[in-house]
Amino acid sequence: MRVFLIESDPKVSSFIKSGLEDNGYIVFVAYDSHMAEKLLFQKSFNIIILDAFIAGIGGIKLCEKIRNANITVPVLMITSSNAIEDRIEGFNCGADDYMVKPIHLGELDARIKALDRMRHRKGSSLLKISDLELDSVSKKVRRNNKEIKLTEKEFEIRSFY
């Protein structure tokens, strides 16, 4: 499973990366929101672990950008803040789960697996390959977040492949 860890503290990111790799995950790390945005559109991930207080625009704004770009990968928000308001803000910006630091690697692993199970159970209508997205319910196709108009027949032909 490919994990994208976005965490600005080198010690915390090293600890999490090492622990996840020991459990067989492939981990990519970004230390600020600018680096994260570049990697988000270059690689595909199964889960995003996002520090709420990442350097740059911050984790909340970055999570909103992820969701506004129609990236449906589960986002697990991590933070040092235990305030309920911060957790609510995290969920409202599009996070699927929320953990308060310090991170226990066993719990993190369990949450990643739970998010992955939920993603597979949903039976998403969205098929995404690189920058190409096809939604079988709305019958819309997008490349680089720009809609490609298809006729009904063109969309039907797609379903044979």
N, C-alpha and C. Protein backbone atom coordinates (compact mmCIF):
# COMPACT_ATOMS: atom_id res chain seq x y z
N MET A 1 0.85 -1.17 0.00
CA MET A 1 0.00 0.00 0.00
C MET A 1 0.90 1.24 0.00
N ARG A 2 0.53 2.21 -0.82
CA ARG A 2 1.31 3.44 -0.98
C ARG A 2 0.72 4.54 -0.08
N VAL A 3 1.55 5.01 0.84
CA VAL A 3 1.16 6.01 1.82
C VAL A 3 1.88 7.31 1.52
N PHE A 4 1.14 8.42 1.55
CA PHE A 4 1.74 9.73 1.39
C PHE A 4 1.66 10.43 2.74
N LEU A 5 2.82 10.59 3.39
CA LEU A 5 2.92 11.24 4.69
C LEU A 5 3.34 12.68 4.49
N ILE A 6 2.50 13.59 4.98
CA ILE A 6 2.79 15.02 4.87
C ILE A 6 2.94 15.54 6.30
N GLU A 7 4.19 15.68 6.73
CA GLU A 7 4.52 16.01 8.12
C GLU A 7 5.78 16.87 8.13
N SER A 8 5.70 18.05 8.76
CA SER A 8 6.82 18.99 8.71
C SER A 8 7.92 18.70 9.73
N ASP A 9 7.62 17.96 10.77
CA ASP A 9 8.63 17.66 11.79
C ASP A 9 9.45 16.45 11.34
N PRO A 10 10.75 16.64 11.06
CA PRO A 10 11.58 15.53 10.56
C PRO A 10 11.63 14.32 11.50
N LYS A 11 11.65 14.55 12.81
CA LYS A 11 11.69 13.44 13.76
C LYS A 11 10.39 12.63 13.72
N VAL A 12 9.27 13.32 13.69
CA VAL A 12 7.97 12.65 13.65
C VAL A 12 7.81 11.91 12.33
N SER A 13 8.15 12.57 11.22
CA SER A 13 7.99 11.92 9.92
C SER A 13 8.91 10.71 9.79
N SER A 14 10.12 10.80 10.32
CA SER A 14 11.05 9.68 10.28
C SER A 14 10.52 8.50 11.10
N PHE A 15 9.99 8.78 12.28
CA PHE A 15 9.41 7.75 13.14
C PHE A 15 8.24 7.05 12.45
N ILE A 16 7.32 7.83 11.90
CA ILE A 16 6.14 7.25 11.24
C ILE A 16 6.55 6.49 9.99
N LYS A 17 7.41 7.09 9.17
CA LYS A 17 7.86 6.44 7.93
C LYS A 17 8.52 5.10 8.23
N SER A 18 9.43 5.09 9.17
CA SER A 18 10.14 3.87 9.53
C SER A 18 9.17 2.79 10.04
N GLY A 19 8.25 3.18 10.90
CA GLY A 19 7.28 2.23 11.44
C GLY A 19 6.37 1.66 10.37
N LEU A 20 5.92 2.49 9.45
CA LEU A 20 5.05 2.02 8.38
C LEU A 20 5.81 1.12 7.41
N GLU A 21 7.05 1.49 7.09
CA GLU A 21 7.85 0.65 6.19
C GLU A 21 8.13 -0.72 6.82
N ASP A 22 8.30 -0.75 8.13
CA ASP A 22 8.48 -2.03 8.82
C ASP A 22 7.25 -2.92 8.68
N ASN A 23 6.09 -2.31 8.47
CA ASN A 23 4.85 -3.05 8.28
C ASN A 23 4.53 -3.29 6.80
N GLY A 24 5.48 -2.99 5.92
CA GLY A 24 5.31 -3.31 4.51
C GLY A 24 4.73 -2.21 3.64
N TYR A 25 4.51 -1.03 4.20
CA TYR A 25 3.97 0.08 3.41
C TYR A 25 5.10 0.74 2.60
N ILE A 26 4.73 1.31 1.47
CA ILE A 26 5.64 2.15 0.68
C ILE A 26 5.28 3.58 1.05
N VAL A 27 6.23 4.32 1.60
CA VAL A 27 5.93 5.63 2.16
C VAL A 27 6.67 6.73 1.41
N PHE A 28 5.92 7.74 0.99
CA PHE A 28 6.47 8.95 0.38
C PHE A 28 6.25 10.07 1.39
N VAL A 29 7.22 10.97 1.53
CA VAL A 29 7.14 12.02 2.54
C VAL A 29 7.27 13.39 1.89
N ALA A 30 6.45 14.32 2.36
CA ALA A 30 6.59 15.74 2.01
C ALA A 30 6.63 16.49 3.34
N TYR A 31 7.46 17.53 3.38
CA TYR A 31 7.66 18.28 4.62
C TYR A 31 6.92 19.61 4.65
N ASP A 32 6.31 20.01 3.54
CA ASP A 32 5.51 21.23 3.51
C ASP A 32 4.43 21.10 2.45
N SER A 33 3.50 22.02 2.45
CA SER A 33 2.35 21.93 1.54
C SER A 33 2.74 22.10 0.08
N HIS A 34 3.78 22.86 -0.20
CA HIS A 34 4.19 23.07 -1.59
C HIS A 34 4.74 21.78 -2.19
N MET A 35 5.61 21.10 -1.44
CA MET A 35 6.15 19.83 -1.89
C MET A 35 5.01 18.79 -2.02
N ALA A 36 4.10 18.84 -1.07
CA ALA A 36 2.97 17.89 -1.08
C ALA A 36 2.11 18.07 -2.33
N GLU A 37 1.81 19.30 -2.69
CA GLU A 37 0.98 19.55 -3.87
C GLU A 37 1.63 19.02 -5.14
N LYS A 38 2.93 19.16 -5.25
CA LYS A 38 3.63 18.64 -6.43
C LYS A 38 3.50 17.13 -6.51
N LEU A 39 3.76 16.44 -5.40
CA LEU A 39 3.71 14.97 -5.40
C LEU A 39 2.29 14.43 -5.58
N LEU A 40 1.30 15.16 -5.07
CA LEU A 40 -0.10 14.70 -5.18
C LEU A 40 -0.52 14.46 -6.62
N PHE A 41 0.01 15.26 -7.52
CA PHE A 41 -0.40 15.15 -8.91
C PHE A 41 0.59 14.37 -9.77
N GLN A 42 1.69 13.90 -9.17
CA GLN A 42 2.68 13.11 -9.89
C GLN A 42 2.56 11.62 -9.61
N LYS A 43 2.06 11.26 -8.44
CA LYS A 43 2.02 9.86 -8.02
C LYS A 43 0.62 9.52 -7.53
N SER A 44 0.34 8.23 -7.43
CA SER A 44 -0.93 7.80 -6.87
C SER A 44 -0.67 7.17 -5.50
N PHE A 45 -1.61 7.36 -4.60
CA PHE A 45 -1.48 6.88 -3.23
C PHE A 45 -2.76 6.19 -2.81
N ASN A 46 -2.63 5.29 -1.82
CA ASN A 46 -3.79 4.61 -1.25
C ASN A 46 -4.34 5.37 -0.05
N ILE A 47 -3.47 6.11 0.61
CA ILE A 47 -3.89 6.91 1.77
C ILE A 47 -2.95 8.09 1.92
N ILE A 48 -3.50 9.18 2.46
CA ILE A 48 -2.72 10.39 2.75
C ILE A 48 -2.80 10.60 4.26
N ILE A 49 -1.63 10.72 4.89
CA ILE A 49 -1.55 11.07 6.31
C ILE A 49 -1.07 12.51 6.35
N LEU A 50 -1.89 13.39 6.88
CA LEU A 50 -1.66 14.83 6.76
C LEU A 50 -1.63 15.51 8.11
N ASP A 51 -0.52 16.16 8.42
CA ASP A 51 -0.41 16.96 9.63
C ASP A 51 -1.27 18.21 9.47
N ALA A 52 -2.12 18.47 10.44
CA ALA A 52 -3.02 19.63 10.36
C ALA A 52 -2.26 20.95 10.34
N PHE A 53 -1.06 20.96 10.91
CA PHE A 53 -0.30 22.20 11.00
C PHE A 53 0.96 22.16 10.15
N ILE A 54 0.86 21.60 8.95
CA ILE A 54 1.98 21.49 8.03
C ILE A 54 2.44 22.89 7.60
N ALA A 55 3.73 23.02 7.37
CA ALA A 55 4.28 24.30 6.91
C ALA A 55 3.70 24.65 5.54
N GLY A 56 3.59 25.92 5.28
CA GLY A 56 3.01 26.39 4.01
C GLY A 56 1.58 26.86 4.27
N ILE A 57 0.65 26.37 3.47
CA ILE A 57 -0.75 26.82 3.61
C ILE A 57 -1.46 26.12 4.77
N GLY A 58 -0.84 25.12 5.35
CA GLY A 58 -1.45 24.40 6.47
C GLY A 58 -2.24 23.19 6.00
N GLY A 59 -2.39 22.23 6.90
CA GLY A 59 -3.06 20.98 6.57
C GLY A 59 -4.54 21.13 6.25
N ILE A 60 -5.21 22.04 6.93
CA ILE A 60 -6.65 22.22 6.69
C ILE A 60 -6.86 22.73 5.26
N LYS A 61 -6.14 23.76 4.88
CA LYS A 61 -6.27 24.31 3.51
C LYS A 61 -5.84 23.28 2.47
N LEU A 62 -4.77 22.54 2.76
CA LEU A 62 -4.30 21.53 1.82
C LEU A 62 -5.35 20.44 1.65
N CYS A 63 -5.97 20.03 2.74
CA CYS A 63 -7.02 19.01 2.66
C CYS A 63 -8.19 19.52 1.81
N GLU A 64 -8.56 20.77 1.99
CA GLU A 64 -9.62 21.37 1.15
C GLU A 64 -9.23 21.35 -0.32
N LYS A 65 -7.98 21.69 -0.62
CA LYS A 65 -7.50 21.66 -2.01
C LYS A 65 -7.54 20.25 -2.58
N ILE A 66 -7.18 19.27 -1.77
CA ILE A 66 -7.22 17.87 -2.19
C ILE A 66 -8.65 17.49 -2.57
N ARG A 67 -9.59 17.83 -1.72
CA ARG A 67 -11.00 17.48 -1.99
C ARG A 67 -11.55 18.29 -3.16
N ASN A 68 -11.18 19.56 -3.27
CA ASN A 68 -11.65 20.38 -4.40
C ASN A 68 -11.10 19.89 -5.73
N ALA A 69 -9.97 19.18 -5.70
CA ALA A 69 -9.38 18.60 -6.91
C ALA A 69 -9.96 17.22 -7.20
N ASN A 70 -11.00 16.85 -6.47
CA ASN A 70 -11.67 15.54 -6.63
C ASN A 70 -10.74 14.36 -6.38
N ILE A 71 -9.77 14.54 -5.52
CA ILE A 71 -8.92 13.43 -5.11
C ILE A 71 -9.65 12.71 -3.99
N THR A 72 -10.00 11.46 -4.22
CA THR A 72 -10.85 10.72 -3.29
C THR A 72 -10.08 9.80 -2.35
N VAL A 73 -8.77 9.86 -2.39
CA VAL A 73 -7.93 9.04 -1.51
C VAL A 73 -8.27 9.39 -0.05
N PRO A 74 -8.40 8.39 0.82
CA PRO A 74 -8.67 8.69 2.22
C PRO A 74 -7.58 9.56 2.84
N VAL A 75 -8.00 10.53 3.65
CA VAL A 75 -7.08 11.42 4.34
C VAL A 75 -7.21 11.18 5.84
N LEU A 76 -6.10 10.84 6.46
CA LEU A 76 -6.03 10.70 7.91
C LEU A 76 -5.27 11.90 8.43
N MET A 77 -5.97 12.77 9.14
CA MET A 77 -5.38 14.00 9.68
C MET A 77 -4.73 13.68 11.01
N ILE A 78 -3.49 14.16 11.20
CA ILE A 78 -2.82 14.01 12.49
C ILE A 78 -2.46 15.39 13.01
N THR A 79 -2.51 15.56 14.33
CA THR A 79 -2.22 16.86 14.92
C THR A 79 -1.82 16.72 16.37
N SER A 80 -1.17 17.73 16.87
CA SER A 80 -0.82 17.75 18.28
C SER A 80 -1.92 18.38 19.11
N SER A 81 -2.93 18.95 18.47
CA SER A 81 -4.02 19.60 19.18
C SER A 81 -5.11 18.60 19.55
N ASN A 82 -5.51 18.64 20.78
CA ASN A 82 -6.56 17.76 21.28
C ASN A 82 -7.91 18.48 21.34
N ALA A 83 -7.98 19.72 20.87
CA ALA A 83 -9.21 20.51 20.96
C ALA A 83 -10.27 19.96 20.02
N ILE A 84 -11.47 19.81 20.52
CA ILE A 84 -12.58 19.28 19.72
C ILE A 84 -12.85 20.17 18.50
N GLU A 85 -12.67 21.48 18.65
CA GLU A 85 -12.90 22.39 17.53
C GLU A 85 -11.97 22.09 16.37
N ASP A 86 -10.71 21.75 16.70
CA ASP A 86 -9.74 21.42 15.65
C ASP A 86 -10.11 20.13 14.96
N ARG A 87 -10.59 19.14 15.72
CA ARG A 87 -11.01 17.88 15.10
C ARG A 87 -12.21 18.10 14.19
N ILE A 88 -13.15 18.91 14.64
CA ILE A 88 -14.33 19.21 13.81
C ILE A 88 -13.90 19.91 12.53
N GLU A 89 -13.00 20.87 12.64
CA GLU A 89 -12.49 21.57 11.46
C GLU A 89 -11.81 20.59 10.50
N GLY A 90 -11.05 19.64 11.06
CA GLY A 90 -10.39 18.63 10.23
C GLY A 90 -11.38 17.79 9.45
N PHE A 91 -12.43 17.33 10.11
CA PHE A 91 -13.45 16.55 9.41
C PHE A 91 -14.21 17.40 8.40
N ASN A 92 -14.50 18.64 8.76
CA ASN A 92 -15.25 19.52 7.85
C ASN A 92 -14.46 19.89 6.60
N CYS A 93 -13.14 19.85 6.66
CA CYS A 93 -12.34 20.19 5.47
C CYS A 93 -12.19 18.99 4.54
N GLY A 94 -12.62 17.80 5.00
CA GLY A 94 -12.58 16.63 4.12
C GLY A 94 -11.78 15.45 4.63
N ALA A 95 -11.24 15.54 5.85
CA ALA A 95 -10.50 14.40 6.41
C ALA A 95 -11.46 13.25 6.69
N ASP A 96 -10.98 12.03 6.52
CA ASP A 96 -11.79 10.84 6.77
C ASP A 96 -11.58 10.30 8.18
N ASP A 97 -10.47 10.62 8.79
CA ASP A 97 -10.16 10.18 10.15
C ASP A 97 -9.21 11.20 10.76
N TYR A 98 -9.02 11.10 12.08
CA TYR A 98 -8.27 12.12 12.80
C TYR A 98 -7.57 11.46 13.98
N MET A 99 -6.27 11.67 14.11
CA MET A 99 -5.49 11.14 15.24
C MET A 99 -4.74 12.27 15.93
N VAL A 100 -4.69 12.18 17.26
CA VAL A 100 -3.95 13.17 18.03
C VAL A 100 -2.58 12.58 18.40
N LYS A 101 -1.54 13.38 18.21
CA LYS A 101 -0.19 12.98 18.57
C LYS A 101 -0.07 12.93 20.09
N PRO A 102 0.76 12.07 20.64
CA PRO A 102 1.75 11.22 19.98
C PRO A 102 1.08 10.03 19.30
N ILE A 103 1.64 9.65 18.15
CA ILE A 103 1.10 8.57 17.33
C ILE A 103 1.60 7.22 17.85
N HIS A 104 0.66 6.32 18.04
CA HIS A 104 1.03 4.93 18.36
C HIS A 104 0.96 4.17 17.04
N LEU A 105 2.07 3.55 16.64
CA LEU A 105 2.14 2.92 15.32
C LEU A 105 1.13 1.79 15.14
N GLY A 106 0.82 1.05 16.19
CA GLY A 106 -0.19 0.00 16.08
C GLY A 106 -1.56 0.56 15.76
N GLU A 107 -1.92 1.66 16.40
CA GLU A 107 -3.21 2.30 16.13
C GLU A 107 -3.22 2.91 14.74
N LEU A 108 -2.11 3.53 14.34
CA LEU A 108 -2.03 4.11 13.00
C LEU A 108 -2.23 3.03 11.94
N ASP A 109 -1.56 1.90 12.11
CA ASP A 109 -1.70 0.78 11.18
C ASP A 109 -3.15 0.31 11.12
N ALA A 110 -3.80 0.19 12.27
CA ALA A 110 -5.20 -0.25 12.30
C ALA A 110 -6.11 0.75 11.60
N ARG A 111 -5.87 2.02 11.79
CA ARG A 111 -6.70 3.05 11.15
C ARG A 111 -6.50 3.05 9.63
N ILE A 112 -5.26 2.88 9.19
CA ILE A 112 -4.98 2.81 7.75
C ILE A 112 -5.74 1.64 7.14
N LYS A 113 -5.67 0.49 7.78
CA LYS A 113 -6.38 -0.69 7.27
C LYS A 113 -7.89 -0.49 7.27
N ALA A 114 -8.42 0.16 8.31
CA ALA A 114 -9.86 0.43 8.37
C ALA A 114 -10.29 1.37 7.24
N LEU A 115 -9.51 2.43 6.99
CA LEU A 115 -9.83 3.36 5.91
C LEU A 115 -9.77 2.66 4.56
N ASP A 116 -8.81 1.77 4.39
CA ASP A 116 -8.69 1.03 3.14
C ASP A 116 -9.89 0.10 2.94
N ARG A 117 -10.33 -0.57 4.02
CA ARG A 117 -11.52 -1.43 3.92
C ARG A 117 -12.75 -0.62 3.53
N MET A 118 -12.93 0.55 4.14
CA MET A 118 -14.09 1.39 3.83
C MET A 118 -14.05 1.85 2.38
N ARG A 119 -12.87 2.19 1.91
CA ARG A 119 -12.73 2.65 0.52
C ARG A 119 -13.15 1.56 -0.45
N HIS A 120 -12.77 0.32 -0.15
CA HIS A 120 -13.13 -0.79 -1.04
C HIS A 120 -14.59 -1.19 -0.92
N ARG A 121 -15.19 -0.99 0.25
CA ARG A 121 -16.60 -1.32 0.43
C ARG A 121 -17.52 -0.35 -0.29
N LYS A 122 -17.10 0.87 -0.43
CA LYS A 122 -17.96 1.89 -1.04
C LYS A 122 -18.32 1.54 -2.48
N GLY A 123 -17.48 0.79 -3.15
CA GLY A 123 -17.75 0.48 -4.56
C GLY A 123 -17.83 1.77 -5.36
N SER A 124 -16.84 2.57 -5.22
CA SER A 124 -16.81 3.88 -5.85
C SER A 124 -17.12 3.82 -7.34
N SER A 125 -17.86 4.79 -7.78
CA SER A 125 -18.18 4.89 -9.20
C SER A 125 -17.07 5.60 -9.96
N LEU A 126 -16.05 6.06 -9.24
CA LEU A 126 -14.98 6.83 -9.86
C LEU A 126 -13.80 5.92 -10.17
N LEU A 127 -13.43 5.90 -11.43
CA LEU A 127 -12.24 5.18 -11.88
C LEU A 127 -11.20 6.24 -12.19
N LYS A 128 -10.02 6.12 -11.54
CA LYS A 128 -8.99 7.14 -11.72
C LYS A 128 -7.69 6.48 -12.10
N ILE A 129 -7.12 6.93 -13.21
CA ILE A 129 -5.82 6.47 -13.65
C ILE A 129 -5.01 7.72 -13.98
N SER A 130 -3.98 7.96 -13.18
CA SER A 130 -3.14 9.14 -13.32
C SER A 130 -4.01 10.39 -13.27
N ASP A 131 -4.07 11.19 -14.32
CA ASP A 131 -4.86 12.42 -14.31
C ASP A 131 -6.21 12.25 -15.02
N LEU A 132 -6.55 11.00 -15.36
CA LEU A 132 -7.81 10.70 -16.05
C LEU A 132 -8.80 10.11 -15.06
N GLU A 133 -10.02 10.68 -15.01
CA GLU A 133 -11.07 10.21 -14.12
C GLU A 133 -12.34 9.94 -14.91
N LEU A 134 -12.99 8.82 -14.58
CA LEU A 134 -14.24 8.46 -15.23
C LEU A 134 -15.24 8.11 -14.14
N ASP A 135 -16.37 8.82 -14.09
CA ASP A 135 -17.41 8.55 -13.11
C ASP A 135 -18.55 7.84 -13.81
N SER A 136 -18.78 6.57 -13.44
CA SER A 136 -19.80 5.76 -14.12
C SER A 136 -21.22 6.15 -13.73
N VAL A 137 -21.40 6.86 -12.63
CA VAL A 137 -22.74 7.29 -12.24
C VAL A 137 -23.13 8.59 -12.95
N SER A 138 -22.27 9.61 -12.84
CA SER A 138 -22.59 10.89 -13.49
C SER A 138 -22.26 10.89 -14.97
N LYS A 139 -21.53 9.85 -15.41
CA LYS A 139 -21.10 9.72 -16.81
C LYS A 139 -20.28 10.92 -17.27
N LYS A 140 -19.37 11.32 -16.38
CA LYS A 140 -18.47 12.42 -16.70
C LYS A 140 -17.04 11.90 -16.74
N VAL A 141 -16.26 12.49 -17.65
CA VAL A 141 -14.86 12.15 -17.79
C VAL A 141 -14.06 13.44 -17.62
N ARG A 142 -12.96 13.35 -16.86
CA ARG A 142 -12.10 14.51 -16.64
C ARG A 142 -10.65 14.11 -16.86
N ARG A 143 -9.89 15.03 -17.40
CA ARG A 143 -8.43 14.89 -17.49
C ARG A 143 -7.86 16.20 -16.98
N ASN A 144 -6.93 16.11 -16.03
CA ASN A 144 -6.36 17.30 -15.40
C ASN A 144 -7.46 18.22 -14.86
N ASN A 145 -8.50 17.63 -14.29
CA ASN A 145 -9.64 18.35 -13.71
C ASN A 145 -10.43 19.16 -14.73
N LYS A 146 -10.26 18.86 -16.02
CA LYS A 146 -11.06 19.52 -17.06
C LYS A 146 -11.98 18.47 -17.66
N GLU A 147 -13.25 18.81 -17.72
CA GLU A 147 -14.23 17.85 -18.21
C GLU A 147 -14.09 17.62 -19.71
N ILE A 148 -14.19 16.36 -20.07
CA ILE A 148 -14.19 15.96 -21.48
C ILE A 148 -15.62 15.55 -21.81
N LYS A 149 -16.22 16.22 -22.75
CA LYS A 149 -17.62 15.94 -23.11
C LYS A 149 -17.68 14.68 -23.96
N LEU A 150 -18.51 13.74 -23.54
CA LEU A 150 -18.75 12.53 -24.32
C LEU A 150 -20.23 12.40 -24.61
N THR A 151 -20.53 11.90 -25.78
CA THR A 151 -21.92 11.58 -26.08
C THR A 151 -22.28 10.30 -25.34
N GLU A 152 -23.56 10.00 -25.27
CA GLU A 152 -24.02 8.76 -24.63
C GLU A 152 -23.37 7.54 -25.29
N LYS A 153 -23.30 7.54 -26.60
CA LYS A 153 -22.72 6.43 -27.34
C LYS A 153 -21.23 6.29 -27.03
N GLU A 154 -20.50 7.40 -27.00
CA GLU A 154 -19.08 7.35 -26.67
C GLU A 154 -18.87 6.77 -25.27
N PHE A 155 -19.73 7.15 -24.34
CA PHE A 155 -19.60 6.62 -22.99
C PHE A 155 -19.93 5.14 -22.95
N GLU A 156 -20.91 4.69 -23.73
CA GLU A 156 -21.26 3.27 -23.81
C GLU A 156 -20.09 2.44 -24.37
N ILE A 157 -19.43 2.96 -25.38
CA ILE A 157 -18.30 2.27 -25.98
C ILE A 157 -17.21 2.08 -24.94
N ARG A 158 -17.00 3.05 -24.10
CA ARG A 158 -16.02 2.97 -23.03
C ARG A 158 -16.30 1.77 -22.14
N SER A 159 -17.55 1.44 -21.90
CA SER A 159 -17.88 0.38 -20.96
C SER A 159 -17.58 -1.02 -21.50
N PHE A 160 -17.23 -1.16 -22.75
CA PHE A 160 -16.86 -2.46 -23.29
C PHE A 160 -15.43 -2.83 -22.95
N TYR A 161 -14.62 -1.88 -22.52
CA TYR A 161 -13.20 -2.12 -22.26
C TYR A 161 -12.90 -2.31 -20.80
